[in-house]
Amino acid sequence: MILLHYHHNISEHKKYKMNNIIKHIIIASGIVLLVHILLHNDFTTHFLIQFPKYSWLLPYIGSSFMIIATVVLIYFSKHSLFYYGVRMPESFSIGTLFLVSTGVAALLSFVSIIFSLTGYSDSFNTILPFFTITQMILFIVIYGPIAEELFFRGFIQHYLSLLKTTGISFFGIYLSLATLITSILFTVAHWPLVHLVNVYGVAMIFTTSFVCGIITGHYVESTGSLLPPLIVHMIFNIIAILEFFILKTLTA
């Protein structure tokens, strides 16, 4: 009877844990969806029509809203900023981070360039043509990554921390379910760019976003800090800008 009762408790515990995990996944997905519905609505369209020369401001407004939403969510979560990765990282190799991020991002950009030159993809035709080089650096390299890393790797991935102990090993690198789900949500969050490109462009944008999410998610879990994933994100965006100018030159 004691043994049966013990197994019953284990079963109940597993059931409770699974229900809790599912609840966290649903809430995390809902938060991402709500934030992006608020960011991308009819107001955005009307603003672009009425004030086209100020269209470059919209991404800043959106990213600022994302930062505010993150701060509010963290405040009500009762955890400290330290818990969400706002701290210096534990020991890691900056050289390895740079080589991996640059190599992977460059490879993806090379594939994108080949697809674009052969007429299959138009992934370079996103928001980049609407920015000056200064605006690209300020938003795409600095402000945008800060906002997205705070929201996705800072809040969302830590909110899914129950899933850290479940995952897969890929070439000896552990990828938790929290990392994988956050990467999927991060990828889906780029859906506003879909209407600007064809199906091959969509595939390239989603693939690059997912891979970037995997690498940044791994680094936030392995170092406990948002700084390494922020650097990774910036490297990916810098290479995306270089890809845009390379394609612009080759197709001129």
C-alpha atoms as a PDB file:
ATOM      1  CA  MET A   1       0.000   0.000   0.000  1.00  0.00           C
ATOM      2  CA  ILE A   2       2.833   2.393   0.821  1.00  0.00           C
ATOM      3  CA  LEU A   3       4.570   1.601  -2.462  1.00  0.00           C
ATOM      4  CA  LEU A   4       1.359   2.153  -4.434  1.00  0.00           C
ATOM      5  CA  HIS A   5       0.759   5.408  -2.631  1.00  0.00           C
ATOM      6  CA  TYR A   6       4.345   6.472  -3.398  1.00  0.00           C
ATOM      7  CA  HIS A   7       3.905   5.773  -7.127  1.00  0.00           C
ATOM      8  CA  HIS A   8       0.562   7.577  -7.047  1.00  0.00           C
ATOM      9  CA  ASN A   9       2.299  10.647  -5.625  1.00  0.00           C
ATOM     10  CA  ILE A  10       4.976  10.442  -8.338  1.00  0.00           C
ATOM     11  CA  SER A  11       2.271  10.196 -10.999  1.00  0.00           C
ATOM     12  CA  GLU A  12       0.402  13.157  -9.532  1.00  0.00           C
ATOM     13  CA  HIS A  13       3.626  15.150  -9.311  1.00  0.00           C
ATOM     14  CA  LYS A  14       4.457  14.448 -12.964  1.00  0.00           C
ATOM     15  CA  LYS A  15       0.918  15.351 -13.986  1.00  0.00           C
ATOM     16  CA  TYR A  16       1.104  18.614 -12.027  1.00  0.00           C
ATOM     17  CA  LYS A  17       4.518  19.436 -13.514  1.00  0.00           C
ATOM     18  CA  MET A  18       3.291  18.706 -17.059  1.00  0.00           C
ATOM     19  CA  ASN A  19       0.187  20.863 -16.551  1.00  0.00           C
ATOM     20  CA  ASN A  20       2.383  23.642 -15.196  1.00  0.00           C
ATOM     21  CA  ILE A  21       4.723  23.379 -18.187  1.00  0.00           C
ATOM     22  CA  ILE A  22       1.817  23.483 -20.650  1.00  0.00           C
ATOM     23  CA  LYS A  23       0.388  26.496 -18.828  1.00  0.00           C
ATOM     24  CA  HIS A  24       3.715  28.336 -19.052  1.00  0.00           C
ATOM     25  CA  ILE A  25       4.054  27.564 -22.772  1.00  0.00           C
ATOM     26  CA  ILE A  26       0.522  28.819 -23.474  1.00  0.00           C
ATOM     27  CA  ILE A  27       1.023  31.988 -21.406  1.00  0.00           C
ATOM     28  CA  ALA A  28       4.421  32.689 -22.997  1.00  0.00           C
ATOM     29  CA  SER A  29       2.923  32.236 -26.480  1.00  0.00           C
ATOM     30  CA  GLY A  30       0.013  34.474 -25.543  1.00  0.00           C
ATOM     31  CA  ILE A  31       2.321  37.218 -24.270  1.00  0.00           C
ATOM     32  CA  VAL A  32       4.345  37.150 -27.518  1.00  0.00           C
ATOM     33  CA  LEU A  33       1.155  37.212 -29.597  1.00  0.00           C
ATOM     34  CA  LEU A  34      -0.372  40.071 -27.594  1.00  0.00           C
ATOM     35  CA  VAL A  35       2.774  42.206 -27.781  1.00  0.00           C
ATOM     36  CA  HIS A  36       3.028  41.766 -31.544  1.00  0.00           C
ATOM     37  CA  ILE A  37      -0.670  42.422 -32.129  1.00  0.00           C
ATOM     38  CA  LEU A  38      -0.228  45.706 -30.288  1.00  0.00           C
ATOM     39  CA  LEU A  39       2.901  46.472 -32.316  1.00  0.00           C
ATOM     40  CA  HIS A  40       1.516  45.611 -35.756  1.00  0.00           C
ATOM     41  CA  ASN A  41      -1.989  46.925 -36.351  1.00  0.00           C
ATOM     42  CA  ASP A  42      -3.966  49.393 -38.497  1.00  0.00           C
ATOM     43  CA  PHE A  43      -2.280  52.323 -36.740  1.00  0.00           C
ATOM     44  CA  THR A  44       1.040  51.234 -38.240  1.00  0.00           C
ATOM     45  CA  THR A  45      -0.437  51.147 -41.749  1.00  0.00           C
ATOM     46  CA  HIS A  46      -2.142  54.543 -41.398  1.00  0.00           C
ATOM     47  CA  PHE A  47       1.025  56.075 -39.974  1.00  0.00           C
ATOM     48  CA  LEU A  48       3.067  54.856 -42.946  1.00  0.00           C
ATOM     49  CA  ILE A  49       0.498  56.272 -45.380  1.00  0.00           C
ATOM     50  CA  GLN A  50       0.151  59.638 -43.663  1.00  0.00           C
ATOM     51  CA  PHE A  51       3.785  60.197 -42.681  1.00  0.00           C
ATOM     52  CA  PRO A  52       6.021  58.106 -44.978  1.00  0.00           C
ATOM     53  CA  LYS A  53       9.151  60.150 -44.234  1.00  0.00           C
ATOM     54  CA  TYR A  54       8.850  59.282 -40.531  1.00  0.00           C
ATOM     55  CA  SER A  55       8.347  55.561 -41.146  1.00  0.00           C
ATOM     56  CA  TRP A  56      11.823  54.865 -39.721  1.00  0.00           C
ATOM     57  CA  LEU A  57      10.465  55.867 -36.288  1.00  0.00           C
ATOM     58  CA  LEU A  58       7.995  52.971 -36.135  1.00  0.00           C
ATOM     59  CA  PRO A  59      10.568  50.261 -35.316  1.00  0.00           C
ATOM     60  CA  TYR A  60      11.837  52.415 -32.429  1.00  0.00           C
ATOM     61  CA  ILE A  61       8.289  52.822 -31.120  1.00  0.00           C
ATOM     62  CA  GLY A  62       7.729  49.079 -31.412  1.00  0.00           C
ATOM     63  CA  SER A  63      10.999  48.159 -29.704  1.00  0.00           C
ATOM     64  CA  SER A  64      10.394  50.722 -26.948  1.00  0.00           C
ATOM     65  CA  PHE A  65       6.997  49.151 -26.326  1.00  0.00           C
ATOM     66  CA  MET A  66       8.686  45.731 -26.153  1.00  0.00           C
ATOM     67  CA  ILE A  67      11.150  47.021 -23.544  1.00  0.00           C
ATOM     68  CA  ILE A  68       8.339  48.602 -21.492  1.00  0.00           C
ATOM     69  CA  ALA A  69       6.319  45.369 -21.692  1.00  0.00           C
ATOM     70  CA  THR A  70       9.359  43.389 -20.512  1.00  0.00           C
ATOM     71  CA  VAL A  71       9.975  45.711 -17.558  1.00  0.00           C
ATOM     72  CA  VAL A  72       6.294  45.489 -16.521  1.00  0.00           C
ATOM     73  CA  LEU A  73       6.275  41.685 -16.831  1.00  0.00           C
ATOM     74  CA  ILE A  74       9.485  41.384 -14.809  1.00  0.00           C
ATOM     75  CA  TYR A  75       8.103  43.723 -12.139  1.00  0.00           C
ATOM     76  CA  PHE A  76       4.963  41.610 -11.652  1.00  0.00           C
ATOM     77  CA  SER A  77       6.941  38.362 -11.754  1.00  0.00           C
ATOM     78  CA  LYS A  78       8.544  39.255  -8.392  1.00  0.00           C
ATOM     79  CA  HIS A  79      11.992  38.210  -9.646  1.00  0.00           C
ATOM     80  CA  SER A  80      15.046  40.456  -9.840  1.00  0.00           C
ATOM     81  CA  LEU A  81      16.747  41.673 -13.030  1.00  0.00           C
ATOM     82  CA  PHE A  82      19.668  39.425 -12.063  1.00  0.00           C
ATOM     83  CA  TYR A  83      17.374  36.384 -12.415  1.00  0.00           C
ATOM     84  CA  TYR A  84      16.485  37.461 -15.955  1.00  0.00           C
ATOM     85  CA  GLY A  85      20.099  37.730 -17.084  1.00  0.00           C
ATOM     86  CA  VAL A  86      20.807  41.424 -16.506  1.00  0.00           C
ATOM     87  CA  ARG A  87      24.272  40.708 -15.130  1.00  0.00           C
ATOM     88  CA  MET A  88      27.792  39.940 -16.240  1.00  0.00           C
ATOM     89  CA  PRO A  89      28.197  36.483 -17.814  1.00  0.00           C
ATOM     90  CA  GLU A  90      29.932  33.497 -16.326  1.00  0.00           C
ATOM     91  CA  SER A  91      33.123  32.387 -18.048  1.00  0.00           C
ATOM     92  CA  PHE A  92      32.800  31.893 -21.807  1.00  0.00           C
ATOM     93  CA  SER A  93      35.015  32.189 -24.871  1.00  0.00           C
ATOM     94  CA  ILE A  94      34.371  35.436 -26.755  1.00  0.00           C
ATOM     95  CA  GLY A  95      36.505  34.070 -29.593  1.00  0.00           C
ATOM     96  CA  THR A  96      34.324  30.975 -29.987  1.00  0.00           C
ATOM     97  CA  LEU A  97      31.178  33.109 -29.786  1.00  0.00           C
ATOM     98  CA  PHE A  98      32.464  35.427 -32.501  1.00  0.00           C
ATOM     99  CA  LEU A  99      33.613  32.614 -34.805  1.00  0.00           C
ATOM    100  CA  VAL A 100      30.410  30.577 -34.449  1.00  0.00           C
ATOM    101  CA  SER A 101      28.070  33.555 -34.826  1.00  0.00           C
ATOM    102  CA  THR A 102      29.969  35.085 -37.728  1.00  0.00           C
ATOM    103  CA  GLY A 103      30.442  31.751 -39.491  1.00  0.00           C
ATOM    104  CA  VAL A 104      26.815  30.640 -39.205  1.00  0.00           C
ATOM    105  CA  ALA A 105      25.376  34.064 -40.077  1.00  0.00           C
ATOM    106  CA  ALA A 106      27.764  34.415 -43.041  1.00  0.00           C
ATOM    107  CA  LEU A 107      26.819  30.962 -44.336  1.00  0.00           C
ATOM    108  CA  LEU A 108      23.098  31.771 -44.145  1.00  0.00           C
ATOM    109  CA  SER A 109      23.674  35.114 -45.861  1.00  0.00           C
ATOM    110  CA  PHE A 110      25.691  33.414 -48.597  1.00  0.00           C
ATOM    111  CA  VAL A 111      22.789  31.016 -49.257  1.00  0.00           C
ATOM    112  CA  SER A 112      20.374  33.973 -49.261  1.00  0.00           C
ATOM    113  CA  ILE A 113      22.554  35.863 -51.754  1.00  0.00           C
ATOM    114  CA  ILE A 114      22.708  32.845 -54.078  1.00  0.00           C
ATOM    115  CA  PHE A 115      18.926  32.434 -53.940  1.00  0.00           C
ATOM    116  CA  SER A 116      18.443  36.155 -54.566  1.00  0.00           C
ATOM    117  CA  LEU A 117      20.831  36.273 -57.540  1.00  0.00           C
ATOM    118  CA  THR A 118      19.159  33.243 -59.125  1.00  0.00           C
ATOM    119  CA  GLY A 119      15.759  34.867 -58.737  1.00  0.00           C
ATOM    120  CA  TYR A 120      14.373  32.475 -56.138  1.00  0.00           C
ATOM    121  CA  SER A 121      14.487  34.726 -53.095  1.00  0.00           C
ATOM    122  CA  ASP A 122      13.947  38.414 -52.410  1.00  0.00           C
ATOM    123  CA  SER A 123      14.708  38.265 -48.680  1.00  0.00           C
ATOM    124  CA  PHE A 124      16.798  41.460 -48.903  1.00  0.00           C
ATOM    125  CA  ASN A 125      13.647  43.400 -49.755  1.00  0.00           C
ATOM    126  CA  THR A 126      12.550  43.870 -46.144  1.00  0.00           C
ATOM    127  CA  ILE A 127      12.706  47.021 -44.000  1.00  0.00           C
ATOM    128  CA  LEU A 128      16.362  47.730 -44.813  1.00  0.00           C
ATOM    129  CA  PRO A 129      15.658  49.905 -47.891  1.00  0.00           C
ATOM    130  CA  PHE A 130      13.748  52.323 -45.648  1.00  0.00           C
ATOM    131  CA  PHE A 131      16.772  53.045 -43.422  1.00  0.00           C
ATOM    132  CA  THR A 132      19.805  55.233 -43.878  1.00  0.00           C
ATOM    133  CA  ILE A 133      23.138  53.687 -42.864  1.00  0.00           C
ATOM    134  CA  THR A 134      23.048  55.623 -39.564  1.00  0.00           C
ATOM    135  CA  GLN A 135      19.533  54.412 -38.822  1.00  0.00           C
ATOM    136  CA  MET A 136      20.586  50.853 -39.651  1.00  0.00           C
ATOM    137  CA  ILE A 137      23.411  51.006 -37.125  1.00  0.00           C
ATOM    138  CA  LEU A 138      21.351  52.679 -34.392  1.00  0.00           C
ATOM    139  CA  PHE A 139      18.299  50.454 -34.674  1.00  0.00           C
ATOM    140  CA  ILE A 140      19.182  47.179 -36.426  1.00  0.00           C
ATOM    141  CA  VAL A 141      22.570  46.728 -34.741  1.00  0.00           C
ATOM    142  CA  ILE A 142      21.939  48.301 -31.324  1.00  0.00           C
ATOM    143  CA  TYR A 143      18.415  49.218 -30.219  1.00  0.00           C
ATOM    144  CA  GLY A 144      16.463  46.391 -31.881  1.00  0.00           C
ATOM    145  CA  PRO A 145      18.657  43.566 -30.542  1.00  0.00           C
ATOM    146  CA  ILE A 146      18.578  45.042 -27.023  1.00  0.00           C
ATOM    147  CA  ALA A 147      14.764  45.137 -27.037  1.00  0.00           C
ATOM    148  CA  GLU A 148      14.371  41.648 -28.513  1.00  0.00           C
ATOM    149  CA  GLU A 149      16.943  40.017 -26.236  1.00  0.00           C
ATOM    150  CA  LEU A 150      15.382  41.576 -23.144  1.00  0.00           C
ATOM    151  CA  PHE A 151      11.959  40.303 -24.186  1.00  0.00           C
ATOM    152  CA  PHE A 152      12.741  36.857 -25.647  1.00  0.00           C
ATOM    153  CA  ARG A 153      15.925  35.615 -23.961  1.00  0.00           C
ATOM    154  CA  GLY A 154      15.411  37.800 -20.888  1.00  0.00           C
ATOM    155  CA  PHE A 155      11.764  37.301 -19.955  1.00  0.00           C
ATOM    156  CA  ILE A 156      10.251  34.593 -22.182  1.00  0.00           C
ATOM    157  CA  GLN A 157      13.073  32.041 -21.957  1.00  0.00           C
ATOM    158  CA  HIS A 158      13.428  32.498 -18.199  1.00  0.00           C
ATOM    159  CA  TYR A 159       9.658  32.238 -17.835  1.00  0.00           C
ATOM    160  CA  LEU A 160       9.966  28.819 -19.500  1.00  0.00           C
ATOM    161  CA  SER A 161      12.785  27.765 -17.145  1.00  0.00           C
ATOM    162  CA  LEU A 162      10.758  24.690 -16.100  1.00  0.00           C
ATOM    163  CA  LEU A 163      11.739  23.276 -19.500  1.00  0.00           C
ATOM    164  CA  LYS A 164      15.496  23.711 -19.006  1.00  0.00           C
ATOM    165  CA  THR A 165      15.960  20.130 -17.817  1.00  0.00           C
ATOM    166  CA  THR A 166      14.329  18.663 -20.935  1.00  0.00           C
ATOM    167  CA  GLY A 167      16.030  18.975 -24.297  1.00  0.00           C
ATOM    168  CA  ILE A 168      18.198  17.450 -27.001  1.00  0.00           C
ATOM    169  CA  SER A 169      21.918  17.191 -27.648  1.00  0.00           C
ATOM    170  CA  PHE A 170      23.099  18.531 -31.002  1.00  0.00           C
ATOM    171  CA  PHE A 171      26.764  17.849 -31.863  1.00  0.00           C
ATOM    172  CA  GLY A 172      27.498  17.674 -28.155  1.00  0.00           C
ATOM    173  CA  ILE A 173      25.696  20.956 -27.395  1.00  0.00           C
ATOM    174  CA  TYR A 174      22.678  20.753 -25.098  1.00  0.00           C
ATOM    175  CA  LEU A 175      19.597  22.623 -26.325  1.00  0.00           C
ATOM    176  CA  SER A 176      16.815  22.792 -23.768  1.00  0.00           C
ATOM    177  CA  LEU A 177      13.123  22.803 -24.605  1.00  0.00           C
ATOM    178  CA  ALA A 178      13.021  26.349 -23.217  1.00  0.00           C
ATOM    179  CA  THR A 179      15.594  27.388 -25.829  1.00  0.00           C
ATOM    180  CA  LEU A 180      13.760  25.600 -28.652  1.00  0.00           C
ATOM    181  CA  ILE A 181      10.313  27.019 -27.821  1.00  0.00           C
ATOM    182  CA  THR A 182      11.676  30.545 -27.322  1.00  0.00           C
ATOM    183  CA  SER A 183      13.445  30.247 -30.685  1.00  0.00           C
ATOM    184  CA  ILE A 184      10.186  29.218 -32.353  1.00  0.00           C
ATOM    185  CA  LEU A 185       8.347  32.166 -30.778  1.00  0.00           C
ATOM    186  CA  PHE A 186      11.187  34.490 -31.802  1.00  0.00           C
ATOM    187  CA  THR A 187      10.941  33.171 -35.370  1.00  0.00           C
ATOM    188  CA  VAL A 188       7.159  33.547 -35.551  1.00  0.00           C
ATOM    189  CA  ALA A 189       7.534  37.107 -34.230  1.00  0.00           C
ATOM    190  CA  HIS A 190       9.155  38.015 -37.571  1.00  0.00           C
ATOM    191  CA  TRP A 191       5.904  37.332 -39.444  1.00  0.00           C
ATOM    192  CA  PRO A 192       5.333  41.087 -40.191  1.00  0.00           C
ATOM    193  CA  LEU A 193       8.174  40.807 -42.748  1.00  0.00           C
ATOM    194  CA  VAL A 194       6.355  38.027 -44.631  1.00  0.00           C
ATOM    195  CA  HIS A 195       4.281  40.350 -46.825  1.00  0.00           C
ATOM    196  CA  LEU A 196       7.468  42.020 -48.120  1.00  0.00           C
ATOM    197  CA  VAL A 197       9.034  38.884 -49.630  1.00  0.00           C
ATOM    198  CA  ASN A 198       8.189  35.734 -51.585  1.00  0.00           C
ATOM    199  CA  VAL A 199       8.035  32.215 -50.187  1.00  0.00           C
ATOM    200  CA  TYR A 200      11.806  31.678 -50.520  1.00  0.00           C
ATOM    201  CA  GLY A 201      12.450  34.975 -48.776  1.00  0.00           C
ATOM    202  CA  VAL A 202      10.142  33.899 -45.960  1.00  0.00           C
ATOM    203  CA  ALA A 203      12.057  30.609 -45.638  1.00  0.00           C
ATOM    204  CA  MET A 204      15.384  32.469 -45.370  1.00  0.00           C
ATOM    205  CA  ILE A 205      14.066  34.979 -42.809  1.00  0.00           C
ATOM    206  CA  PHE A 206      12.505  32.251 -40.654  1.00  0.00           C
ATOM    207  CA  THR A 207      15.573  29.976 -40.904  1.00  0.00           C
ATOM    208  CA  THR A 208      17.962  32.781 -39.952  1.00  0.00           C
ATOM    209  CA  SER A 209      15.711  33.895 -37.081  1.00  0.00           C
ATOM    210  CA  PHE A 210      15.413  30.350 -35.722  1.00  0.00           C
ATOM    211  CA  VAL A 211      19.148  29.645 -35.916  1.00  0.00           C
ATOM    212  CA  CYS A 212      19.905  32.999 -34.271  1.00  0.00           C
ATOM    213  CA  GLY A 213      17.379  32.132 -31.554  1.00  0.00           C
ATOM    214  CA  ILE A 214      19.022  28.757 -30.948  1.00  0.00           C
ATOM    215  CA  ILE A 215      22.500  30.254 -30.563  1.00  0.00           C
ATOM    216  CA  THR A 216      21.363  33.156 -28.370  1.00  0.00           C
ATOM    217  CA  GLY A 217      19.202  30.826 -26.279  1.00  0.00           C
ATOM    218  CA  HIS A 218      22.112  28.456 -25.720  1.00  0.00           C
ATOM    219  CA  TYR A 219      24.369  31.295 -24.604  1.00  0.00           C
ATOM    220  CA  VAL A 220      21.869  32.794 -22.168  1.00  0.00           C
ATOM    221  CA  GLU A 221      21.486  29.394 -20.480  1.00  0.00           C
ATOM    222  CA  SER A 222      25.181  28.536 -20.463  1.00  0.00           C
ATOM    223  CA  THR A 223      26.368  31.936 -19.177  1.00  0.00           C
ATOM    224  CA  GLY A 224      23.341  33.185 -17.233  1.00  0.00           C
ATOM    225  CA  SER A 225      23.687  36.599 -18.888  1.00  0.00           C
ATOM    226  CA  LEU A 226      22.025  38.503 -21.728  1.00  0.00           C
ATOM    227  CA  LEU A 227      25.338  40.012 -22.846  1.00  0.00           C
ATOM    228  CA  PRO A 228      26.618  37.049 -24.943  1.00  0.00           C
ATOM    229  CA  PRO A 229      23.271  36.537 -26.751  1.00  0.00           C
ATOM    230  CA  LEU A 230      23.100  40.279 -27.377  1.00  0.00           C
ATOM    231  CA  ILE A 231      26.518  40.164 -29.062  1.00  0.00           C
ATOM    232  CA  VAL A 232      25.386  37.178 -31.162  1.00  0.00           C
ATOM    233  CA  HIS A 233      22.227  39.019 -32.208  1.00  0.00           C
ATOM    234  CA  MET A 234      24.214  42.109 -33.180  1.00  0.00           C
ATOM    235  CA  ILE A 235      26.620  40.020 -35.280  1.00  0.00           C
ATOM    236  CA  PHE A 236      23.713  38.394 -37.141  1.00  0.00           C
ATOM    237  CA  ASN A 237      22.183  41.802 -37.868  1.00  0.00           C
ATOM    238  CA  ILE A 238      25.493  43.324 -38.988  1.00  0.00           C
ATOM    239  CA  ILE A 239      25.929  40.499 -41.488  1.00  0.00           C
ATOM    240  CA  ALA A 240      22.331  40.984 -42.663  1.00  0.00           C
ATOM    241  CA  ILE A 241      23.156  44.637 -43.395  1.00  0.00           C
ATOM    242  CA  LEU A 242      26.320  43.619 -45.266  1.00  0.00           C
ATOM    243  CA  GLU A 243      24.225  41.132 -47.253  1.00  0.00           C
ATOM    244  CA  PHE A 244      21.828  43.923 -48.210  1.00  0.00           C
ATOM    245  CA  PHE A 245      24.623  46.137 -49.522  1.00  0.00           C
ATOM    246  CA  ILE A 246      26.302  43.252 -51.363  1.00  0.00           C
ATOM    247  CA  LEU A 247      23.050  42.415 -53.124  1.00  0.00           C
ATOM    248  CA  LYS A 248      22.377  46.075 -53.807  1.00  0.00           C
ATOM    249  CA  THR A 249      25.788  46.342 -55.493  1.00  0.00           C
ATOM    250  CA  LEU A 250      25.475  43.094 -57.453  1.00  0.00           C
ATOM    251  CA  THR A 251      21.959  43.864 -58.731  1.00  0.00           C
ATOM    252  CA  ALA A 252      22.539  47.558 -59.505  1.00  0.00           C
END
